[in-house]
Amino acid sequence: MSALTRFLGDSPLRVIVKLLVVSFIVGFLMSAFHWSPWDIFDALRDMVLRIWNMGFAALGNFFGYIVLGAVIVVPAFLVLRLLSYRR
């Protein structure tokens, strides 16, 4: 097995044929939905920006979420520990 075949995972000709078939299918779908590569790039960029902005908003509420959850979790934990201690 040559280094090129090992790198590609199959013979070069078969890889080229597979890439052509997948490229045709993706190109057909993108054309059907009227998408361009720039549309996909813009959507990915917007998604990263939304996650970035949402992440910092979530960090602002992080400790509030911990306290809110602890109000339920800590007493439940203590009750379960006390019930299992008596056995």
N, C-alpha and C. Protein backbone atom coordinates (compact mmCIF):
# COMPACT_ATOMS: atom_id res chain seq x y z
N MET A 1 0.85 -1.17 0.00
CA MET A 1 0.00 0.00 0.00
C MET A 1 0.90 1.24 0.00
N SER A 2 0.69 2.11 -0.93
CA SER A 2 1.53 3.30 -1.04
C SER A 2 1.11 4.34 0.01
N ALA A 3 1.96 5.31 0.21
CA ALA A 3 1.68 6.36 1.19
C ALA A 3 0.46 7.18 0.78
N LEU A 4 0.32 7.42 -0.53
CA LEU A 4 -0.82 8.20 -1.02
C LEU A 4 -2.12 7.44 -0.77
N THR A 5 -2.15 6.17 -1.06
CA THR A 5 -3.33 5.35 -0.84
C THR A 5 -3.66 5.28 0.65
N ARG A 6 -2.65 5.15 1.46
CA ARG A 6 -2.85 5.12 2.91
C ARG A 6 -3.41 6.45 3.40
N PHE A 7 -2.91 7.56 2.85
CA PHE A 7 -3.38 8.89 3.25
C PHE A 7 -4.82 9.10 2.82
N LEU A 8 -5.16 8.72 1.59
CA LEU A 8 -6.51 8.95 1.06
C LEU A 8 -7.52 7.95 1.60
N GLY A 9 -7.08 6.78 2.02
CA GLY A 9 -7.98 5.76 2.53
C GLY A 9 -8.50 4.83 1.46
N ASP A 10 -8.14 5.05 0.20
CA ASP A 10 -8.56 4.22 -0.92
C ASP A 10 -7.66 4.59 -2.09
N SER A 11 -7.88 3.94 -3.21
CA SER A 11 -7.06 4.28 -4.38
C SER A 11 -7.41 5.69 -4.85
N PRO A 12 -6.44 6.41 -5.41
CA PRO A 12 -6.70 7.79 -5.83
C PRO A 12 -7.86 7.93 -6.82
N LEU A 13 -8.00 6.99 -7.75
CA LEU A 13 -9.08 7.08 -8.73
C LEU A 13 -10.44 6.93 -8.06
N ARG A 14 -10.56 5.99 -7.13
CA ARG A 14 -11.84 5.81 -6.42
C ARG A 14 -12.16 7.02 -5.57
N VAL A 15 -11.16 7.63 -4.95
CA VAL A 15 -11.39 8.82 -4.13
C VAL A 15 -11.87 9.97 -5.01
N ILE A 16 -11.28 10.12 -6.19
CA ILE A 16 -11.70 11.18 -7.10
C ILE A 16 -13.14 10.97 -7.54
N VAL A 17 -13.51 9.74 -7.86
CA VAL A 17 -14.89 9.45 -8.27
C VAL A 17 -15.86 9.73 -7.13
N LYS A 18 -15.52 9.32 -5.90
CA LYS A 18 -16.38 9.59 -4.75
C LYS A 18 -16.54 11.09 -4.52
N LEU A 19 -15.43 11.82 -4.62
CA LEU A 19 -15.50 13.27 -4.43
C LEU A 19 -16.35 13.93 -5.51
N LEU A 20 -16.26 13.46 -6.74
CA LEU A 20 -17.08 14.01 -7.82
C LEU A 20 -18.56 13.76 -7.57
N VAL A 21 -18.91 12.56 -7.13
CA VAL A 21 -20.32 12.24 -6.87
C VAL A 21 -20.86 13.09 -5.72
N VAL A 22 -20.12 13.16 -4.63
CA VAL A 22 -20.57 13.95 -3.48
C VAL A 22 -20.63 15.44 -3.85
N SER A 23 -19.66 15.93 -4.62
CA SER A 23 -19.67 17.33 -5.05
C SER A 23 -20.88 17.63 -5.92
N PHE A 24 -21.24 16.68 -6.80
CA PHE A 24 -22.41 16.87 -7.64
C PHE A 24 -23.68 16.95 -6.80
N ILE A 25 -23.82 16.05 -5.82
CA ILE A 25 -25.02 16.04 -4.98
C ILE A 25 -25.11 17.32 -4.16
N VAL A 26 -24.01 17.73 -3.56
CA VAL A 26 -24.00 18.95 -2.75
C VAL A 26 -24.27 20.16 -3.62
N GLY A 27 -23.65 20.22 -4.79
CA GLY A 27 -23.88 21.34 -5.71
C GLY A 27 -25.32 21.41 -6.17
N PHE A 28 -25.93 20.25 -6.45
CA PHE A 28 -27.33 20.21 -6.86
C PHE A 28 -28.23 20.72 -5.75
N LEU A 29 -28.00 20.26 -4.51
CA LEU A 29 -28.81 20.71 -3.38
C LEU A 29 -28.64 22.20 -3.11
N MET A 30 -27.41 22.67 -3.19
CA MET A 30 -27.17 24.10 -2.97
C MET A 30 -27.86 24.93 -4.04
N SER A 31 -27.85 24.45 -5.27
CA SER A 31 -28.52 25.16 -6.35
C SER A 31 -30.03 25.14 -6.15
N ALA A 32 -30.57 24.02 -5.69
CA ALA A 32 -32.01 23.91 -5.47
C ALA A 32 -32.48 24.85 -4.37
N PHE A 33 -31.67 25.05 -3.35
CA PHE A 33 -32.03 25.94 -2.25
C PHE A 33 -31.51 27.37 -2.45
N HIS A 34 -30.90 27.63 -3.58
CA HIS A 34 -30.36 28.95 -3.92
C HIS A 34 -29.34 29.42 -2.87
N TRP A 35 -28.47 28.50 -2.48
CA TRP A 35 -27.40 28.82 -1.53
C TRP A 35 -26.11 29.01 -2.29
N SER A 36 -25.29 29.90 -1.76
CA SER A 36 -23.93 30.05 -2.29
C SER A 36 -22.95 29.77 -1.16
N PRO A 37 -21.69 29.54 -1.49
CA PRO A 37 -20.71 29.33 -0.41
C PRO A 37 -20.65 30.51 0.55
N TRP A 38 -20.87 31.73 0.04
CA TRP A 38 -20.84 32.90 0.93
C TRP A 38 -22.02 32.89 1.89
N ASP A 39 -23.17 32.38 1.45
CA ASP A 39 -24.32 32.27 2.36
C ASP A 39 -24.00 31.35 3.53
N ILE A 40 -23.35 30.25 3.24
CA ILE A 40 -22.99 29.30 4.29
C ILE A 40 -21.95 29.92 5.22
N PHE A 41 -20.97 30.61 4.66
CA PHE A 41 -19.96 31.28 5.48
C PHE A 41 -20.61 32.32 6.39
N ASP A 42 -21.53 33.13 5.83
CA ASP A 42 -22.21 34.15 6.64
C ASP A 42 -23.06 33.51 7.74
N ALA A 43 -23.74 32.41 7.42
CA ALA A 43 -24.56 31.73 8.42
C ALA A 43 -23.69 31.18 9.55
N LEU A 44 -22.54 30.61 9.20
CA LEU A 44 -21.63 30.09 10.24
C LEU A 44 -21.09 31.21 11.11
N ARG A 45 -20.74 32.32 10.46
CA ARG A 45 -20.24 33.48 11.22
C ARG A 45 -21.30 34.00 12.17
N ASP A 46 -22.55 34.13 11.68
CA ASP A 46 -23.64 34.61 12.53
C ASP A 46 -23.91 33.65 13.68
N MET A 47 -23.81 32.33 13.42
CA MET A 47 -24.03 31.35 14.47
C MET A 47 -22.97 31.49 15.56
N VAL A 48 -21.71 31.66 15.16
CA VAL A 48 -20.63 31.82 16.15
C VAL A 48 -20.85 33.09 16.96
N LEU A 49 -21.26 34.17 16.31
CA LEU A 49 -21.50 35.42 17.04
C LEU A 49 -22.66 35.29 18.01
N ARG A 50 -23.74 34.59 17.60
CA ARG A 50 -24.88 34.38 18.51
C ARG A 50 -24.46 33.54 19.71
N ILE A 51 -23.68 32.49 19.47
CA ILE A 51 -23.22 31.65 20.59
C ILE A 51 -22.30 32.46 21.50
N TRP A 52 -21.43 33.26 20.91
CA TRP A 52 -20.52 34.10 21.69
C TRP A 52 -21.30 35.05 22.60
N ASN A 53 -22.27 35.76 22.01
CA ASN A 53 -23.06 36.71 22.79
C ASN A 53 -23.93 36.01 23.82
N MET A 54 -24.52 34.88 23.45
CA MET A 54 -25.35 34.13 24.37
C MET A 54 -24.51 33.57 25.51
N GLY A 55 -23.29 33.18 25.21
CA GLY A 55 -22.41 32.61 26.22
C GLY A 55 -22.10 33.59 27.33
N PHE A 56 -21.83 34.83 26.97
CA PHE A 56 -21.53 35.83 27.99
C PHE A 56 -22.77 36.20 28.78
N ALA A 57 -23.92 36.17 28.15
CA ALA A 57 -25.17 36.41 28.89
C ALA A 57 -25.41 35.27 29.87
N ALA A 58 -25.11 34.05 29.43
CA ALA A 58 -25.30 32.89 30.31
C ALA A 58 -24.31 32.93 31.47
N LEU A 59 -23.09 33.39 31.22
CA LEU A 59 -22.12 33.49 32.31
C LEU A 59 -22.57 34.49 33.37
N GLY A 60 -23.28 35.52 32.95
CA GLY A 60 -23.80 36.49 33.90
C GLY A 60 -24.80 35.88 34.86
N ASN A 61 -25.53 34.88 34.40
CA ASN A 61 -26.54 34.21 35.23
C ASN A 61 -26.03 32.92 35.86
N PHE A 62 -24.78 32.58 35.65
CA PHE A 62 -24.23 31.29 36.05
C PHE A 62 -24.42 31.03 37.55
N PHE A 63 -24.03 31.99 38.38
CA PHE A 63 -24.12 31.79 39.82
C PHE A 63 -25.56 31.78 40.29
N GLY A 64 -26.41 32.54 39.62
CA GLY A 64 -27.84 32.49 39.95
C GLY A 64 -28.42 31.12 39.69
N TYR A 65 -28.01 30.49 38.59
CA TYR A 65 -28.47 29.14 38.28
C TYR A 65 -27.98 28.14 39.33
N ILE A 66 -26.75 28.31 39.78
CA ILE A 66 -26.20 27.40 40.80
C ILE A 66 -26.99 27.52 42.09
N VAL A 67 -27.26 28.72 42.53
CA VAL A 67 -28.01 28.93 43.77
C VAL A 67 -29.43 28.39 43.62
N LEU A 68 -30.05 28.66 42.49
CA LEU A 68 -31.41 28.19 42.26
C LEU A 68 -31.48 26.67 42.28
N GLY A 69 -30.54 26.01 41.66
CA GLY A 69 -30.50 24.55 41.67
C GLY A 69 -30.14 24.00 43.03
N ALA A 70 -29.26 24.68 43.74
CA ALA A 70 -28.82 24.20 45.05
C ALA A 70 -29.97 24.22 46.06
N VAL A 71 -30.92 25.11 45.89
CA VAL A 71 -32.07 25.17 46.80
C VAL A 71 -32.84 23.85 46.77
N ILE A 72 -32.85 23.17 45.64
CA ILE A 72 -33.55 21.89 45.52
C ILE A 72 -32.59 20.72 45.77
N VAL A 73 -31.40 20.78 45.19
CA VAL A 73 -30.49 19.64 45.19
C VAL A 73 -29.91 19.36 46.57
N VAL A 74 -29.47 20.37 47.28
CA VAL A 74 -28.81 20.15 48.57
C VAL A 74 -29.77 19.56 49.60
N PRO A 75 -30.98 20.09 49.78
CA PRO A 75 -31.89 19.43 50.73
C PRO A 75 -32.26 18.01 50.30
N ALA A 76 -32.46 17.78 49.01
CA ALA A 76 -32.77 16.43 48.54
C ALA A 76 -31.61 15.50 48.83
N PHE A 77 -30.39 15.95 48.63
CA PHE A 77 -29.21 15.15 48.92
C PHE A 77 -29.14 14.81 50.40
N LEU A 78 -29.36 15.80 51.25
CA LEU A 78 -29.31 15.57 52.69
C LEU A 78 -30.39 14.59 53.14
N VAL A 79 -31.59 14.72 52.61
CA VAL A 79 -32.67 13.80 52.97
C VAL A 79 -32.32 12.39 52.53
N LEU A 80 -31.82 12.23 51.32
CA LEU A 80 -31.45 10.90 50.83
C LEU A 80 -30.31 10.30 51.65
N ARG A 81 -29.36 11.11 52.05
CA ARG A 81 -28.25 10.62 52.87
C ARG A 81 -28.75 10.20 54.25
N LEU A 82 -29.65 10.98 54.84
CA LEU A 82 -30.18 10.63 56.15
C LEU A 82 -31.01 9.34 56.08
N LEU A 83 -31.79 9.19 55.01
CA LEU A 83 -32.59 7.97 54.87
C LEU A 83 -31.71 6.73 54.67
N SER A 84 -30.61 6.89 53.92
CA SER A 84 -29.74 5.73 53.71
C SER A 84 -28.84 5.50 54.92
N TYR A 85 -28.63 6.46 55.78
CA TYR A 85 -27.82 6.31 56.99
C TYR A 85 -28.51 5.44 58.02
N ARG A 86 -29.81 5.53 58.08
CA ARG A 86 -30.57 4.78 59.08
C ARG A 86 -30.64 3.29 58.76
N ARG A 87 -30.37 2.89 57.55
CA ARG A 87 -30.46 1.48 57.19
C ARG A 87 -29.30 0.73 57.66
